Amino acid sequence: KPYPDCYEKAYSLLAPNKYITKDECLVIEDSTNGVKAAKTAGLKTCFVPFFAPKQKVDFDYRLTSLNEFKTLPL
């Protein structure tokens, strides 16, 4: 990171078998470099920082804690 290789590889392994588009994926990251890598790979990001970032971060969503995720009924 911040190179997108890990996210591009993960998506390439997932997409052919599940017919999932990049718009249907969400990367959860706690680092600014991780967010940069995911965005460069064309994926949506949710930033959950452990510490306040020292630089500007371009994310799609932000949570203060993973506890903010709600369980969805199936």
PDB file of N, CA and C in Angstrom:
ATOM      1  N   LYS A   1       0.850  -1.163   0.000  1.00  0.00           N
ATOM      2  CA  LYS A   1       0.000   0.000   0.000  1.00  0.00           C
ATOM      3  C   LYS A   1       0.898   1.229   0.000  1.00  0.00           C
ATOM      4  N   PRO A   2       0.627   2.230  -0.723  1.00  0.00           N
ATOM      5  CA  PRO A   2      -0.628   2.633  -1.347  1.00  0.00           C
ATOM      6  C   PRO A   2      -0.851   2.082  -2.759  1.00  0.00           C
ATOM      7  N   TYR A   3      -0.071   1.086  -3.162  1.00  0.00           N
ATOM      8  CA  TYR A   3      -0.285   0.504  -4.487  1.00  0.00           C
ATOM      9  C   TYR A   3      -1.501  -0.413  -4.451  1.00  0.00           C
ATOM     10  N   PRO A   4      -2.301  -0.405  -5.508  1.00  0.00           N
ATOM     11  CA  PRO A   4      -3.580  -1.123  -5.494  1.00  0.00           C
ATOM     12  C   PRO A   4      -3.487  -2.622  -5.765  1.00  0.00           C
ATOM     13  N   ASP A   5      -2.294  -3.163  -5.901  1.00  0.00           N
ATOM     14  CA  ASP A   5      -2.126  -4.556  -6.325  1.00  0.00           C
ATOM     15  C   ASP A   5      -2.924  -5.553  -5.485  1.00  0.00           C
ATOM     16  N   CYS A   6      -2.904  -5.401  -4.168  1.00  0.00           N
ATOM     17  CA  CYS A   6      -3.592  -6.379  -3.309  1.00  0.00           C
ATOM     18  C   CYS A   6      -5.099  -6.350  -3.542  1.00  0.00           C
ATOM     19  N   TYR A   7      -5.664  -5.166  -3.757  1.00  0.00           N
ATOM     20  CA  TYR A   7      -7.102  -5.074  -3.986  1.00  0.00           C
ATOM     21  C   TYR A   7      -7.481  -5.525  -5.392  1.00  0.00           C
ATOM     22  N   GLU A   8      -6.637  -5.232  -6.359  1.00  0.00           N
ATOM     23  CA  GLU A   8      -6.896  -5.700  -7.723  1.00  0.00           C
ATOM     24  C   GLU A   8      -6.837  -7.222  -7.780  1.00  0.00           C
ATOM     25  N   LYS A   9      -5.885  -7.823  -7.076  1.00  0.00           N
ATOM     26  CA  LYS A   9      -5.761  -9.281  -7.030  1.00  0.00           C
ATOM     27  C   LYS A   9      -6.990  -9.897  -6.357  1.00  0.00           C
ATOM     28  N   ALA A  10      -7.392  -9.349  -5.220  1.00  0.00           N
ATOM     29  CA  ALA A  10      -8.566  -9.874  -4.509  1.00  0.00           C
ATOM     30  C   ALA A  10      -9.813  -9.788  -5.385  1.00  0.00           C
ATOM     31  N   TYR A  11      -9.992  -8.669  -6.055  1.00  0.00           N
ATOM     32  CA  TYR A  11     -11.166  -8.510  -6.917  1.00  0.00           C
ATOM     33  C   TYR A  11     -11.104  -9.481  -8.095  1.00  0.00           C
ATOM     34  N   SER A  12      -9.935  -9.669  -8.671  1.00  0.00           N
ATOM     35  CA  SER A  12      -9.811 -10.573  -9.821  1.00  0.00           C
ATOM     36  C   SER A  12     -10.140 -12.011  -9.430  1.00  0.00           C
ATOM     37  N   LEU A  13      -9.866 -12.391  -8.188  1.00  0.00           N
ATOM     38  CA  LEU A  13     -10.197 -13.735  -7.726  1.00  0.00           C
ATOM     39  C   LEU A  13     -11.686 -13.877  -7.406  1.00  0.00           C
ATOM     40  N   LEU A  14     -12.308 -12.802  -6.988  1.00  0.00           N
ATOM     41  CA  LEU A  14     -13.708 -12.824  -6.588  1.00  0.00           C
ATOM     42  C   LEU A  14     -14.660 -12.673  -7.770  1.00  0.00           C
ATOM     43  N   ALA A  15     -14.432 -11.714  -8.598  1.00  0.00           N
ATOM     44  CA  ALA A  15     -15.389 -11.309  -9.622  1.00  0.00           C
ATOM     45  C   ALA A  15     -15.767 -12.399 -10.629  1.00  0.00           C
ATOM     46  N   PRO A  16     -14.837 -13.156 -11.203  1.00  0.00           N
ATOM     47  CA  PRO A  16     -15.242 -14.133 -12.220  1.00  0.00           C
ATOM     48  C   PRO A  16     -16.199 -15.210 -11.707  1.00  0.00           C
ATOM     49  N   ASN A  17     -16.094 -15.550 -10.451  1.00  0.00           N
ATOM     50  CA  ASN A  17     -16.928 -16.613  -9.903  1.00  0.00           C
ATOM     51  C   ASN A  17     -18.263 -16.127  -9.376  1.00  0.00           C
ATOM     52  N   LYS A  18     -18.336 -14.884  -9.011  1.00  0.00           N
ATOM     53  CA  LYS A  18     -19.542 -14.369  -8.357  1.00  0.00           C
ATOM     54  C   LYS A  18     -20.260 -13.295  -9.163  1.00  0.00           C
ATOM     55  N   TYR A  19     -19.691 -12.880 -10.284  1.00  0.00           N
ATOM     56  CA  TYR A  19     -20.302 -11.839 -11.114  1.00  0.00           C
ATOM     57  C   TYR A  19     -20.566 -10.571 -10.314  1.00  0.00           C
ATOM     58  N   ILE A  20     -19.578 -10.147  -9.579  1.00  0.00           N
ATOM     59  CA  ILE A  20     -19.679  -8.958  -8.740  1.00  0.00           C
ATOM     60  C   ILE A  20     -18.944  -7.804  -9.406  1.00  0.00           C
ATOM     61  N   THR A  21     -19.576  -6.642  -9.435  1.00  0.00           N
ATOM     62  CA  THR A  21     -18.921  -5.464  -9.992  1.00  0.00           C
ATOM     63  C   THR A  21     -18.175  -4.724  -8.885  1.00  0.00           C
ATOM     64  N   LYS A  22     -17.271  -3.872  -9.289  1.00  0.00           N
ATOM     65  CA  LYS A  22     -16.527  -3.096  -8.297  1.00  0.00           C
ATOM     66  C   LYS A  22     -17.445  -2.183  -7.489  1.00  0.00           C
ATOM     67  N   ASP A  23     -18.544  -1.756  -8.091  1.00  0.00           N
ATOM     68  CA  ASP A  23     -19.512  -0.920  -7.369  1.00  0.00           C
ATOM     69  C   ASP A  23     -20.194  -1.671  -6.233  1.00  0.00           C
ATOM     70  N   GLU A  24     -20.158  -2.996  -6.272  1.00  0.00           N
ATOM     71  CA  GLU A  24     -20.800  -3.806  -5.237  1.00  0.00           C
ATOM     72  C   GLU A  24     -19.832  -4.195  -4.120  1.00  0.00           C
ATOM     73  N   CYS A  25     -18.589  -3.761  -4.229  1.00  0.00           N
ATOM     74  CA  CYS A  25     -17.572  -4.090  -3.228  1.00  0.00           C
ATOM     75  C   CYS A  25     -17.338  -2.890  -2.302  1.00  0.00           C
ATOM     76  N   LEU A  26     -16.972  -3.191  -1.087  1.00  0.00           N
ATOM     77  CA  LEU A  26     -16.640  -2.153  -0.124  1.00  0.00           C
ATOM     78  C   LEU A  26     -15.402  -2.585   0.651  1.00  0.00           C
ATOM     79  N   VAL A  27     -14.384  -1.754   0.621  1.00  0.00           N
ATOM     80  CA  VAL A  27     -13.147  -2.016   1.353  1.00  0.00           C
ATOM     81  C   VAL A  27     -13.207  -1.273   2.679  1.00  0.00           C
ATOM     82  N   ILE A  28     -12.950  -1.981   3.764  1.00  0.00           N
ATOM     83  CA  ILE A  28     -12.884  -1.381   5.095  1.00  0.00           C
ATOM     84  C   ILE A  28     -11.412  -1.204   5.416  1.00  0.00           C
ATOM     85  N   GLU A  29     -10.998   0.024   5.680  1.00  0.00           N
ATOM     86  CA  GLU A  29      -9.586   0.323   5.915  1.00  0.00           C
ATOM     87  C   GLU A  29      -9.400   1.205   7.128  1.00  0.00           C
ATOM     88  N   ASP A  30      -8.258   1.014   7.794  1.00  0.00           N
ATOM     89  CA  ASP A  30      -7.934   1.858   8.949  1.00  0.00           C
ATOM     90  C   ASP A  30      -6.727   2.747   8.691  1.00  0.00           C
ATOM     91  N   SER A  31      -6.196   2.707   7.473  1.00  0.00           N
ATOM     92  CA  SER A  31      -5.019   3.529   7.159  1.00  0.00           C
ATOM     93  C   SER A  31      -5.267   4.378   5.919  1.00  0.00           C
ATOM     94  N   THR A  32      -4.611   5.517   5.865  1.00  0.00           N
ATOM     95  CA  THR A  32      -4.762   6.384   4.697  1.00  0.00           C
ATOM     96  C   THR A  32      -4.184   5.717   3.454  1.00  0.00           C
ATOM     97  N   ASN A  33      -3.070   5.013   3.590  1.00  0.00           N
ATOM     98  CA  ASN A  33      -2.496   4.323   2.430  1.00  0.00           C
ATOM     99  C   ASN A  33      -3.404   3.206   1.936  1.00  0.00           C
ATOM    100  N   GLY A  34      -4.075   2.527   2.848  1.00  0.00           N
ATOM    101  CA  GLY A  34      -5.025   1.499   2.449  1.00  0.00           C
ATOM    102  C   GLY A  34      -6.190   2.070   1.675  1.00  0.00           C
ATOM    103  N   VAL A  35      -6.701   3.210   2.125  1.00  0.00           N
ATOM    104  CA  VAL A  35      -7.788   3.883   1.409  1.00  0.00           C
ATOM    105  C   VAL A  35      -7.313   4.306   0.019  1.00  0.00           C
ATOM    106  N   LYS A  36      -6.116   4.858  -0.067  1.00  0.00           N
ATOM    107  CA  LYS A  36      -5.571   5.264  -1.367  1.00  0.00           C
ATOM    108  C   LYS A  36      -5.462   4.069  -2.314  1.00  0.00           C
ATOM    109  N   ALA A  37      -4.989   2.944  -1.800  1.00  0.00           N
ATOM    110  CA  ALA A  37      -4.841   1.741  -2.628  1.00  0.00           C
ATOM    111  C   ALA A  37      -6.190   1.261  -3.141  1.00  0.00           C
ATOM    112  N   ALA A  38      -7.169   1.213  -2.272  1.00  0.00           N
ATOM    113  CA  ALA A  38      -8.503   0.756  -2.665  1.00  0.00           C
ATOM    114  C   ALA A  38      -9.127   1.696  -3.682  1.00  0.00           C
ATOM    115  N   LYS A  39      -9.008   3.001  -3.457  1.00  0.00           N
ATOM    116  CA  LYS A  39      -9.571   3.975  -4.401  1.00  0.00           C
ATOM    117  C   LYS A  39      -8.885   3.866  -5.766  1.00  0.00           C
ATOM    118  N   THR A  40      -7.572   3.671  -5.767  1.00  0.00           N
ATOM    119  CA  THR A  40      -6.837   3.525  -7.026  1.00  0.00           C
ATOM    120  C   THR A  40      -7.289   2.273  -7.765  1.00  0.00           C
ATOM    121  N   ALA A  41      -7.676   1.240  -7.028  1.00  0.00           N
ATOM    122  CA  ALA A  41      -8.187   0.013  -7.638  1.00  0.00           C
ATOM    123  C   ALA A  41      -9.636   0.170  -8.106  1.00  0.00           C
ATOM    124  N   GLY A  42     -10.248   1.311  -7.824  1.00  0.00           N
ATOM    125  CA  GLY A  42     -11.609   1.565  -8.283  1.00  0.00           C
ATOM    126  C   GLY A  42     -12.687   1.033  -7.361  1.00  0.00           C
ATOM    127  N   LEU A  43     -12.357   0.837  -6.095  1.00  0.00           N
ATOM    128  CA  LEU A  43     -13.305   0.284  -5.133  1.00  0.00           C
ATOM    129  C   LEU A  43     -13.791   1.345  -4.156  1.00  0.00           C
ATOM    130  N   LYS A  44     -14.990   1.165  -3.656  1.00  0.00           N
ATOM    131  CA  LYS A  44     -15.523   2.067  -2.640  1.00  0.00           C
ATOM    132  C   LYS A  44     -14.837   1.763  -1.313  1.00  0.00           C
ATOM    133  N   THR A  45     -14.700   2.795  -0.494  1.00  0.00           N
ATOM    134  CA  THR A  45     -13.976   2.627   0.762  1.00  0.00           C
ATOM    135  C   THR A  45     -14.779   3.128   1.958  1.00  0.00           C
ATOM    136  N   CYS A  46     -14.564   2.444   3.066  1.00  0.00           N
ATOM    137  CA  CYS A  46     -15.079   2.875   4.359  1.00  0.00           C
ATOM    138  C   CYS A  46     -13.859   3.015   5.258  1.00  0.00           C
ATOM    139  N   PHE A  47     -13.613   4.217   5.709  1.00  0.00           N
ATOM    140  CA  PHE A  47     -12.438   4.524   6.522  1.00  0.00           C
ATOM    141  C   PHE A  47     -12.828   4.450   7.995  1.00  0.00           C
ATOM    142  N   VAL A  48     -12.117   3.601   8.741  1.00  0.00           N
ATOM    143  CA  VAL A  48     -12.333   3.447  10.175  1.00  0.00           C
ATOM    144  C   VAL A  48     -10.969   3.656  10.847  1.00  0.00           C
ATOM    145  N   PRO A  49     -10.590   4.917  11.047  1.00  0.00           N
ATOM    146  CA  PRO A  49      -9.238   5.191  11.551  1.00  0.00           C
ATOM    147  C   PRO A  49      -9.079   4.835  13.024  1.00  0.00           C
ATOM    148  N   PHE A  50      -7.928   4.264  13.326  1.00  0.00           N
ATOM    149  CA  PHE A  50      -7.585   3.997  14.720  1.00  0.00           C
ATOM    150  C   PHE A  50      -7.055   5.273  15.363  1.00  0.00           C
ATOM    151  N   PHE A  51      -6.313   6.057  14.567  1.00  0.00           N
ATOM    152  CA  PHE A  51      -5.800   7.358  14.981  1.00  0.00           C
ATOM    153  C   PHE A  51      -6.301   8.409  13.998  1.00  0.00           C
ATOM    154  N   ALA A  52      -6.354   9.649  14.422  1.00  0.00           N
ATOM    155  CA  ALA A  52      -6.737  10.738  13.521  1.00  0.00           C
ATOM    156  C   ALA A  52      -5.707  10.831  12.399  1.00  0.00           C
ATOM    157  N   PRO A  53      -6.160  10.873  11.138  1.00  0.00           N
ATOM    158  CA  PRO A  53      -5.212  10.935  10.025  1.00  0.00           C
ATOM    159  C   PRO A  53      -4.465  12.265  10.006  1.00  0.00           C
ATOM    160  N   LYS A  54      -3.195  12.197   9.593  1.00  0.00           N
ATOM    161  CA  LYS A  54      -2.365  13.398   9.502  1.00  0.00           C
ATOM    162  C   LYS A  54      -2.482  14.073   8.144  1.00  0.00           C
ATOM    163  N   GLN A  55      -3.100  13.378   7.208  1.00  0.00           N
ATOM    164  CA  GLN A  55      -3.268  13.934   5.866  1.00  0.00           C
ATOM    165  C   GLN A  55      -4.711  13.736   5.424  1.00  0.00           C
ATOM    166  N   LYS A  56      -5.097  14.453   4.381  1.00  0.00           N
ATOM    167  CA  LYS A  56      -6.453  14.354   3.850  1.00  0.00           C
ATOM    168  C   LYS A  56      -6.663  12.963   3.247  1.00  0.00           C
ATOM    169  N   VAL A  57      -7.827  12.405   3.491  1.00  0.00           N
ATOM    170  CA  VAL A  57      -8.158  11.067   3.005  1.00  0.00           C
ATOM    171  C   VAL A  57      -9.440  11.155   2.180  1.00  0.00           C
ATOM    172  N   ASP A  58      -9.415  10.601   0.971  1.00  0.00           N
ATOM    173  CA  ASP A  58     -10.574  10.604   0.086  1.00  0.00           C
ATOM    174  C   ASP A  58     -11.309   9.268   0.217  1.00  0.00           C
ATOM    175  N   PHE A  59     -12.316   9.205   1.084  1.00  0.00           N
ATOM    176  CA  PHE A  59     -13.065   7.975   1.326  1.00  0.00           C
ATOM    177  C   PHE A  59     -14.518   8.183   0.930  1.00  0.00           C
ATOM    178  N   ASP A  60     -15.249   7.076   0.789  1.00  0.00           N
ATOM    179  CA  ASP A  60     -16.675   7.150   0.478  1.00  0.00           C
ATOM    180  C   ASP A  60     -17.529   7.206   1.747  1.00  0.00           C
ATOM    181  N   TYR A  61     -17.104   6.462   2.751  1.00  0.00           N
ATOM    182  CA  TYR A  61     -17.816   6.407   4.028  1.00  0.00           C
ATOM    183  C   TYR A  61     -16.787   6.456   5.157  1.00  0.00           C
ATOM    184  N   ARG A  62     -17.241   6.883   6.321  1.00  0.00           N
ATOM    185  CA  ARG A  62     -16.351   6.905   7.476  1.00  0.00           C
ATOM    186  C   ARG A  62     -17.125   6.477   8.719  1.00  0.00           C
ATOM    187  N   LEU A  63     -16.502   5.626   9.497  1.00  0.00           N
ATOM    188  CA  LEU A  63     -17.047   5.207  10.776  1.00  0.00           C
ATOM    189  C   LEU A  63     -16.021   5.540  11.852  1.00  0.00           C
ATOM    190  N   THR A  64     -16.492   5.779  13.055  1.00  0.00           N
ATOM    191  CA  THR A  64     -15.557   6.016  14.145  1.00  0.00           C
ATOM    192  C   THR A  64     -15.151   4.698  14.807  1.00  0.00           C
ATOM    193  N   SER A  65     -15.956   3.641  14.569  1.00  0.00           N
ATOM    194  CA  SER A  65     -15.687   2.332  15.147  1.00  0.00           C
ATOM    195  C   SER A  65     -16.399   1.271  14.317  1.00  0.00           C
ATOM    196  N   LEU A  66     -15.850   0.067  14.300  1.00  0.00           N
ATOM    197  CA  LEU A  66     -16.540  -1.026  13.608  1.00  0.00           C
ATOM    198  C   LEU A  66     -17.842  -1.380  14.310  1.00  0.00           C
ATOM    199  N   ASN A  67     -18.007  -0.952  15.536  1.00  0.00           N
ATOM    200  CA  ASN A  67     -19.271  -1.183  16.253  1.00  0.00           C
ATOM    201  C   ASN A  67     -20.445  -0.440  15.620  1.00  0.00           C
ATOM    202  N   GLU A  68     -20.166   0.490  14.742  1.00  0.00           N
ATOM    203  CA  GLU A  68     -21.232   1.228  14.068  1.00  0.00           C
ATOM    204  C   GLU A  68     -21.951   0.391  13.003  1.00  0.00           C
ATOM    205  N   PHE A  69     -21.334  -0.710  12.571  1.00  0.00           N
ATOM    206  CA  PHE A  69     -22.007  -1.599  11.621  1.00  0.00           C
ATOM    207  C   PHE A  69     -23.184  -2.238  12.329  1.00  0.00           C
ATOM    208  N   LYS A  70     -24.289  -2.300  11.658  1.00  0.00           N
ATOM    209  CA  LYS A  70     -25.479  -2.936  12.240  1.00  0.00           C
ATOM    210  C   LYS A  70     -25.678  -4.289  11.558  1.00  0.00           C
ATOM    211  N   THR A  71     -26.155  -5.234  12.290  1.00  0.00           N
ATOM    212  CA  THR A  71     -26.459  -6.549  11.722  1.00  0.00           C
ATOM    213  C   THR A  71     -27.740  -6.427  10.926  1.00  0.00           C
ATOM    214  N   LEU A  72     -27.695  -6.882   9.694  1.00  0.00           N
ATOM    215  CA  LEU A  72     -28.875  -6.838   8.837  1.00  0.00           C
ATOM    216  C   LEU A  72     -29.636  -8.142   8.931  1.00  0.00           C
ATOM    217  N   PRO A  73     -30.946  -8.097   9.065  1.00  0.00           N
ATOM    218  CA  PRO A  73     -31.724  -9.339   9.080  1.00  0.00           C
ATOM    219  C   PRO A  73     -31.704  -9.974   7.689  1.00  0.00           C
ATOM    220  N   LEU A  74     -31.603 -11.262   7.655  1.00  0.00           N
ATOM    221  CA  LEU A  74     -31.586 -11.986   6.373  1.00  0.00           C
ATOM    222  C   LEU A  74     -32.946 -12.496   6.010  1.00  0.00           C
TER     223      LEU A  74
END
